[in-house]
Amino acid sequence: MTGTLVDTNVILDVFTVDPVWWSWSSLNLDRCSDAGPIYINPIIYAEVSTRFYAIEQLEEALPAEDFTRLDLPYEAAFLAGKAFLDYKKRGGSRTATLPDFFIGAHAAVLGLQLLTRDEARFRTYFPTVKLISP
C-alpha cells in the first residue's frame, strides 16, 4: 500500500494554526497529499475529535475525500501491544500512551509512510516505517 498516515499532532497543528508548527505541518501535509493518498485511522480520528463539539464539525474538518479512513488491522494491534510492552520494559514513561503505538504499528503493517512530529518513539519502535518529520 502506498500513501501517508498522518499523525494527530500534524492535523492539530494545522487546525489550531500552531505558532511554532503550523508552517511545517501544513507544508508537509500538502506535499504528502500531492504525492498520494492521505490516511487516518480510528485512533487519529478520536484524538482529533477532542477539539470538536459535534461529529458534523469533525467530518467537515476531515473530509473523507481528503483523509481516507482506514480500519486498524488486528496485526497492527498485536504489534502495537508488543512495542508498548518493550517500551515499558525499557523504563518508558507512564505518561506515554498506547495510541502512539497503534499509529506506528498501523503504518508498519500497511507499509505506509508516517507524517509526524514525534520522530524518536516511532524511529525506535517502528524502524521500518519511513518517517516524514522535522
N, C-alpha and C. Protein backbone atom coordinates (compact mmCIF):
# COMPACT_ATOMS: atom_id res chain seq x y z
N MET A 1 0.85 -1.17 0.00
CA MET A 1 0.00 0.00 0.00
C MET A 1 0.90 1.24 0.00
N THR A 2 0.48 2.25 -0.70
CA THR A 2 1.25 3.49 -0.73
C THR A 2 0.41 4.61 -0.14
N GLY A 3 1.07 5.64 0.29
CA GLY A 3 0.39 6.79 0.86
C GLY A 3 0.98 7.15 2.21
N THR A 4 0.30 8.07 2.88
CA THR A 4 0.82 8.62 4.13
C THR A 4 -0.23 8.57 5.23
N LEU A 5 0.13 7.97 6.33
CA LEU A 5 -0.68 8.04 7.54
C LEU A 5 -0.27 9.32 8.25
N VAL A 6 -1.24 10.16 8.61
CA VAL A 6 -0.94 11.46 9.21
C VAL A 6 -1.21 11.40 10.70
N ASP A 7 -0.18 11.67 11.48
CA ASP A 7 -0.29 11.65 12.93
C ASP A 7 -1.15 12.82 13.41
N THR A 8 -1.78 12.62 14.53
CA THR A 8 -2.68 13.60 15.13
C THR A 8 -2.03 14.95 15.30
N ASN A 9 -0.78 14.98 15.76
CA ASN A 9 -0.15 16.27 16.05
C ASN A 9 -0.06 17.16 14.82
N VAL A 10 0.14 16.57 13.65
CA VAL A 10 0.24 17.35 12.42
C VAL A 10 -1.13 17.95 12.08
N ILE A 11 -2.16 17.16 12.18
CA ILE A 11 -3.51 17.65 11.89
C ILE A 11 -3.88 18.78 12.86
N LEU A 12 -3.59 18.58 14.13
CA LEU A 12 -3.93 19.62 15.12
C LEU A 12 -3.10 20.88 14.93
N ASP A 13 -1.85 20.74 14.49
CA ASP A 13 -1.04 21.93 14.18
C ASP A 13 -1.74 22.79 13.13
N VAL A 14 -2.28 22.13 12.11
CA VAL A 14 -2.94 22.85 11.02
C VAL A 14 -4.25 23.45 11.50
N PHE A 15 -5.06 22.67 12.22
CA PHE A 15 -6.36 23.15 12.68
C PHE A 15 -6.26 24.31 13.67
N THR A 16 -5.24 24.25 14.51
CA THR A 16 -5.10 25.28 15.56
C THR A 16 -4.18 26.43 15.14
N VAL A 17 -3.62 26.34 13.94
CA VAL A 17 -2.64 27.32 13.46
C VAL A 17 -1.57 27.52 14.54
N ASP A 18 -0.99 26.40 14.93
CA ASP A 18 0.04 26.41 15.96
C ASP A 18 1.16 27.38 15.57
N PRO A 19 1.52 28.30 16.47
CA PRO A 19 2.52 29.31 16.12
C PRO A 19 3.90 28.75 15.82
N VAL A 20 4.22 27.61 16.36
CA VAL A 20 5.54 27.01 16.12
C VAL A 20 5.50 26.04 14.94
N TRP A 21 4.47 25.23 14.84
CA TRP A 21 4.47 24.10 13.90
C TRP A 21 3.55 24.24 12.70
N TRP A 22 2.69 25.25 12.65
CA TRP A 22 1.73 25.34 11.55
C TRP A 22 2.41 25.31 10.19
N SER A 23 3.43 26.10 9.99
CA SER A 23 4.10 26.19 8.69
C SER A 23 4.65 24.84 8.26
N TRP A 24 5.40 24.19 9.14
CA TRP A 24 6.00 22.90 8.80
C TRP A 24 4.91 21.86 8.54
N SER A 25 3.94 21.78 9.41
CA SER A 25 2.88 20.76 9.28
C SER A 25 2.03 20.97 8.04
N SER A 26 1.62 22.20 7.76
CA SER A 26 0.77 22.44 6.59
C SER A 26 1.55 22.20 5.29
N LEU A 27 2.80 22.62 5.23
CA LEU A 27 3.63 22.39 4.05
C LEU A 27 3.79 20.89 3.78
N ASN A 28 4.11 20.13 4.80
CA ASN A 28 4.34 18.70 4.61
C ASN A 28 3.05 17.92 4.37
N LEU A 29 1.96 18.36 4.97
CA LEU A 29 0.67 17.73 4.68
C LEU A 29 0.30 17.96 3.22
N ASP A 30 0.52 19.16 2.71
CA ASP A 30 0.26 19.44 1.30
C ASP A 30 1.16 18.60 0.40
N ARG A 31 2.43 18.49 0.73
CA ARG A 31 3.36 17.70 -0.08
C ARG A 31 2.94 16.23 -0.14
N CYS A 32 2.57 15.70 1.02
CA CYS A 32 2.16 14.29 1.06
C CYS A 32 0.87 14.08 0.28
N SER A 33 -0.04 15.02 0.40
CA SER A 33 -1.32 14.94 -0.32
C SER A 33 -1.09 14.99 -1.83
N ASP A 34 -0.15 15.81 -2.27
CA ASP A 34 0.18 15.88 -3.69
C ASP A 34 0.81 14.59 -4.20
N ALA A 35 1.52 13.88 -3.31
CA ALA A 35 2.24 12.67 -3.70
C ALA A 35 1.38 11.41 -3.69
N GLY A 36 0.26 11.44 -2.99
CA GLY A 36 -0.57 10.23 -2.91
C GLY A 36 -1.63 10.35 -1.84
N PRO A 37 -2.30 9.24 -1.56
CA PRO A 37 -3.40 9.28 -0.59
C PRO A 37 -2.92 9.63 0.82
N ILE A 38 -3.80 10.31 1.54
CA ILE A 38 -3.59 10.65 2.95
C ILE A 38 -4.57 9.81 3.76
N TYR A 39 -4.07 9.18 4.82
CA TYR A 39 -4.89 8.28 5.62
C TYR A 39 -4.95 8.72 7.08
N ILE A 40 -6.07 8.39 7.70
CA ILE A 40 -6.21 8.45 9.16
C ILE A 40 -6.85 7.13 9.60
N ASN A 41 -6.76 6.85 10.88
CA ASN A 41 -7.39 5.66 11.43
C ASN A 41 -8.28 6.06 12.61
N PRO A 42 -8.98 5.11 13.21
CA PRO A 42 -9.88 5.46 14.32
C PRO A 42 -9.17 6.11 15.51
N ILE A 43 -7.91 5.77 15.73
CA ILE A 43 -7.16 6.36 16.85
C ILE A 43 -6.93 7.85 16.57
N ILE A 44 -6.47 8.17 15.38
CA ILE A 44 -6.21 9.56 15.00
C ILE A 44 -7.53 10.34 15.01
N TYR A 45 -8.56 9.74 14.45
CA TYR A 45 -9.88 10.37 14.42
C TYR A 45 -10.34 10.72 15.84
N ALA A 46 -10.18 9.78 16.75
CA ALA A 46 -10.60 10.00 18.15
C ALA A 46 -9.79 11.12 18.80
N GLU A 47 -8.48 11.11 18.57
CA GLU A 47 -7.64 12.15 19.18
C GLU A 47 -7.99 13.53 18.63
N VAL A 48 -8.23 13.64 17.34
CA VAL A 48 -8.59 14.93 16.74
C VAL A 48 -9.98 15.35 17.21
N SER A 49 -10.87 14.40 17.44
CA SER A 49 -12.25 14.72 17.83
C SER A 49 -12.35 15.52 19.12
N THR A 50 -11.33 15.47 19.94
CA THR A 50 -11.39 16.20 21.22
C THR A 50 -11.46 17.70 21.02
N ARG A 51 -11.15 18.18 19.82
CA ARG A 51 -11.18 19.62 19.51
C ARG A 51 -12.52 20.08 18.95
N PHE A 52 -13.48 19.17 18.83
CA PHE A 52 -14.76 19.49 18.20
C PHE A 52 -15.92 19.12 19.12
N TYR A 53 -17.00 19.88 19.01
CA TYR A 53 -18.19 19.63 19.83
C TYR A 53 -19.14 18.64 19.18
N ALA A 54 -19.16 18.59 17.86
CA ALA A 54 -20.10 17.72 17.16
C ALA A 54 -19.38 16.96 16.06
N ILE A 55 -19.84 15.76 15.81
CA ILE A 55 -19.22 14.92 14.78
C ILE A 55 -19.33 15.58 13.41
N GLU A 56 -20.39 16.32 13.18
CA GLU A 56 -20.55 17.01 11.90
C GLU A 56 -19.42 18.02 11.66
N GLN A 57 -19.01 18.70 12.72
CA GLN A 57 -17.89 19.64 12.61
C GLN A 57 -16.60 18.90 12.27
N LEU A 58 -16.39 17.77 12.93
CA LEU A 58 -15.19 16.97 12.68
C LEU A 58 -15.20 16.43 11.25
N GLU A 59 -16.34 15.94 10.81
CA GLU A 59 -16.43 15.41 9.44
C GLU A 59 -16.17 16.50 8.40
N GLU A 60 -16.60 17.72 8.69
CA GLU A 60 -16.33 18.83 7.78
C GLU A 60 -14.84 19.19 7.77
N ALA A 61 -14.21 19.10 8.93
CA ALA A 61 -12.78 19.42 9.04
C ALA A 61 -11.90 18.33 8.44
N LEU A 62 -12.34 17.08 8.52
CA LEU A 62 -11.59 15.93 7.99
C LEU A 62 -12.41 15.25 6.90
N PRO A 63 -12.64 15.90 5.77
CA PRO A 63 -13.49 15.28 4.75
C PRO A 63 -12.89 13.96 4.26
N ALA A 64 -13.75 12.98 4.12
CA ALA A 64 -13.31 11.63 3.72
C ALA A 64 -12.63 11.63 2.36
N GLU A 65 -12.97 12.57 1.50
CA GLU A 65 -12.31 12.60 0.19
C GLU A 65 -10.86 13.10 0.30
N ASP A 66 -10.53 13.75 1.39
CA ASP A 66 -9.15 14.22 1.62
C ASP A 66 -8.39 13.32 2.60
N PHE A 67 -9.09 12.81 3.59
CA PHE A 67 -8.50 11.97 4.64
C PHE A 67 -9.19 10.61 4.60
N THR A 68 -8.61 9.70 3.84
CA THR A 68 -9.19 8.37 3.69
C THR A 68 -9.12 7.62 5.02
N ARG A 69 -10.24 7.06 5.42
CA ARG A 69 -10.32 6.31 6.68
C ARG A 69 -9.86 4.88 6.46
N LEU A 70 -9.00 4.41 7.35
CA LEU A 70 -8.54 3.02 7.33
C LEU A 70 -8.93 2.35 8.64
N ASP A 71 -9.41 1.13 8.54
CA ASP A 71 -9.63 0.34 9.74
C ASP A 71 -8.28 -0.11 10.27
N LEU A 72 -8.21 -0.33 11.56
CA LEU A 72 -6.98 -0.78 12.19
C LEU A 72 -6.92 -2.31 12.13
N PRO A 73 -5.97 -2.87 11.40
CA PRO A 73 -5.87 -4.34 11.33
C PRO A 73 -5.45 -4.95 12.67
N TYR A 74 -5.91 -6.14 12.91
CA TYR A 74 -5.55 -6.83 14.15
C TYR A 74 -4.05 -7.06 14.25
N GLU A 75 -3.38 -7.24 13.11
CA GLU A 75 -1.94 -7.40 13.12
C GLU A 75 -1.26 -6.15 13.68
N ALA A 76 -1.81 -4.98 13.36
CA ALA A 76 -1.27 -3.73 13.88
C ALA A 76 -1.52 -3.63 15.39
N ALA A 77 -2.69 -4.07 15.83
CA ALA A 77 -2.99 -4.04 17.27
C ALA A 77 -2.02 -4.94 18.04
N PHE A 78 -1.73 -6.10 17.48
CA PHE A 78 -0.77 -7.01 18.11
C PHE A 78 0.61 -6.38 18.19
N LEU A 79 1.07 -5.83 17.06
CA LEU A 79 2.39 -5.18 17.02
C LEU A 79 2.44 -4.00 17.98
N ALA A 80 1.37 -3.22 18.06
CA ALA A 80 1.32 -2.08 18.99
C ALA A 80 1.49 -2.55 20.42
N GLY A 81 0.80 -3.62 20.78
CA GLY A 81 0.92 -4.16 22.14
C GLY A 81 2.33 -4.62 22.46
N LYS A 82 2.96 -5.30 21.51
CA LYS A 82 4.34 -5.77 21.72
C LYS A 82 5.32 -4.60 21.83
N ALA A 83 5.16 -3.60 20.98
CA ALA A 83 6.05 -2.44 21.04
C ALA A 83 5.85 -1.67 22.34
N PHE A 84 4.61 -1.54 22.78
CA PHE A 84 4.32 -0.84 24.02
C PHE A 84 4.92 -1.60 25.21
N LEU A 85 4.82 -2.92 25.20
CA LEU A 85 5.42 -3.74 26.25
C LEU A 85 6.93 -3.55 26.28
N ASP A 86 7.57 -3.54 25.12
CA ASP A 86 9.01 -3.31 25.03
C ASP A 86 9.36 -1.93 25.60
N TYR A 87 8.56 -0.94 25.26
CA TYR A 87 8.75 0.42 25.76
C TYR A 87 8.69 0.44 27.29
N LYS A 88 7.71 -0.23 27.86
CA LYS A 88 7.57 -0.27 29.32
C LYS A 88 8.75 -1.00 29.97
N LYS A 89 9.20 -2.08 29.35
CA LYS A 89 10.34 -2.84 29.88
C LYS A 89 11.62 -2.01 29.87
N ARG A 90 11.72 -1.10 28.92
CA ARG A 90 12.88 -0.22 28.84
C ARG A 90 12.78 0.97 29.79
N GLY A 91 11.73 1.00 30.60
CA GLY A 91 11.56 2.08 31.57
C GLY A 91 10.82 3.27 31.01
N GLY A 92 10.04 3.05 29.96
CA GLY A 92 9.28 4.14 29.34
C GLY A 92 8.37 4.84 30.32
N SER A 93 8.17 6.10 30.06
CA SER A 93 7.35 6.96 30.92
C SER A 93 5.92 6.45 31.03
N ARG A 94 5.38 6.57 32.20
CA ARG A 94 3.99 6.19 32.40
C ARG A 94 3.04 7.17 31.72
N THR A 95 3.57 8.33 31.31
CA THR A 95 2.70 9.32 30.67
C THR A 95 2.52 9.02 29.18
N ALA A 96 3.38 8.19 28.60
CA ALA A 96 3.22 7.83 27.20
C ALA A 96 1.99 6.94 27.06
N THR A 97 1.25 7.17 26.01
CA THR A 97 0.02 6.43 25.86
C THR A 97 0.10 5.44 24.71
N LEU A 98 -0.73 4.44 24.80
CA LEU A 98 -0.78 3.38 23.81
C LEU A 98 -1.18 3.87 22.41
N PRO A 99 -1.99 4.92 22.26
CA PRO A 99 -2.37 5.35 20.90
C PRO A 99 -1.19 5.59 19.95
N ASP A 100 -0.11 6.15 20.42
CA ASP A 100 1.05 6.37 19.54
C ASP A 100 1.56 5.04 18.99
N PHE A 101 1.50 4.02 19.79
CA PHE A 101 1.98 2.71 19.35
C PHE A 101 1.03 2.11 18.31
N PHE A 102 -0.27 2.34 18.46
CA PHE A 102 -1.22 1.90 17.44
C PHE A 102 -0.94 2.59 16.11
N ILE A 103 -0.67 3.88 16.15
CA ILE A 103 -0.40 4.64 14.93
C ILE A 103 0.86 4.14 14.24
N GLY A 104 1.94 3.97 14.99
CA GLY A 104 3.18 3.46 14.41
C GLY A 104 3.04 2.05 13.87
N ALA A 105 2.36 1.19 14.60
CA ALA A 105 2.16 -0.19 14.15
C ALA A 105 1.30 -0.24 12.89
N HIS A 106 0.30 0.61 12.82
CA HIS A 106 -0.56 0.66 11.64
C HIS A 106 0.26 1.01 10.40
N ALA A 107 1.09 2.03 10.51
CA ALA A 107 1.96 2.40 9.39
C ALA A 107 2.90 1.26 9.03
N ALA A 108 3.46 0.59 10.03
CA ALA A 108 4.39 -0.50 9.78
C ALA A 108 3.72 -1.68 9.07
N VAL A 109 2.57 -2.09 9.55
CA VAL A 109 1.88 -3.25 8.99
C VAL A 109 1.43 -3.00 7.55
N LEU A 110 0.98 -1.78 7.26
CA LEU A 110 0.49 -1.49 5.91
C LEU A 110 1.57 -0.92 4.98
N GLY A 111 2.76 -0.69 5.51
CA GLY A 111 3.84 -0.16 4.69
C GLY A 111 3.63 1.29 4.27
N LEU A 112 2.98 2.06 5.13
CA LEU A 112 2.73 3.48 4.85
C LEU A 112 3.83 4.33 5.45
N GLN A 113 4.10 5.46 4.83
CA GLN A 113 4.97 6.43 5.48
C GLN A 113 4.13 7.17 6.52
N LEU A 114 4.80 7.76 7.50
CA LEU A 114 4.11 8.44 8.60
C LEU A 114 4.58 9.88 8.69
N LEU A 115 3.63 10.79 8.60
CA LEU A 115 3.90 12.22 8.78
C LEU A 115 3.64 12.55 10.24
N THR A 116 4.72 12.92 10.96
CA THR A 116 4.62 13.14 12.40
C THR A 116 5.69 14.11 12.87
N ARG A 117 5.44 14.70 14.02
CA ARG A 117 6.49 15.49 14.69
C ARG A 117 7.17 14.67 15.78
N ASP A 118 6.64 13.51 16.11
CA ASP A 118 7.17 12.68 17.20
C ASP A 118 8.08 11.59 16.64
N GLU A 119 9.24 12.01 16.20
CA GLU A 119 10.14 11.09 15.50
C GLU A 119 10.75 10.00 16.39
N ALA A 120 11.22 10.36 17.55
CA ALA A 120 12.04 9.44 18.36
C ALA A 120 11.35 8.12 18.67
N ARG A 121 10.14 8.17 19.18
CA ARG A 121 9.47 6.93 19.57
C ARG A 121 9.17 6.07 18.35
N PHE A 122 8.71 6.69 17.28
CA PHE A 122 8.40 5.90 16.08
C PHE A 122 9.67 5.28 15.49
N ARG A 123 10.76 6.02 15.46
CA ARG A 123 12.01 5.51 14.91
C ARG A 123 12.54 4.35 15.76
N THR A 124 12.39 4.45 17.06
CA THR A 124 12.88 3.41 17.96
C THR A 124 12.06 2.13 17.86
N TYR A 125 10.73 2.24 17.90
CA TYR A 125 9.88 1.06 18.00
C TYR A 125 9.33 0.56 16.66
N PHE A 126 9.43 1.38 15.62
CA PHE A 126 8.93 1.00 14.29
C PHE A 126 9.97 1.41 13.24
N PRO A 127 11.16 0.79 13.30
CA PRO A 127 12.27 1.23 12.44
C PRO A 127 12.03 1.03 10.94
N THR A 128 11.06 0.22 10.56
CA THR A 128 10.81 0.02 9.13
C THR A 128 9.92 1.10 8.52
N VAL A 129 9.32 1.93 9.36
CA VAL A 129 8.41 2.97 8.87
C VAL A 129 9.23 4.17 8.38
N LYS A 130 8.93 4.60 7.17
CA LYS A 130 9.53 5.82 6.65
C LYS A 130 8.83 7.00 7.32
N LEU A 131 9.62 7.83 8.00
CA LEU A 131 9.07 8.98 8.71
C LEU A 131 9.31 10.26 7.93
N ILE A 132 8.31 11.11 7.93
CA ILE A 132 8.47 12.49 7.48
C ILE A 132 8.32 13.31 8.74
N SER A 133 9.43 13.84 9.19
CA SER A 133 9.44 14.55 10.48
C SER A 133 10.48 15.68 10.42
N PRO A 134 10.34 16.61 11.36
CA PRO A 134 11.31 17.73 11.38
C PRO A 134 12.72 17.25 11.66
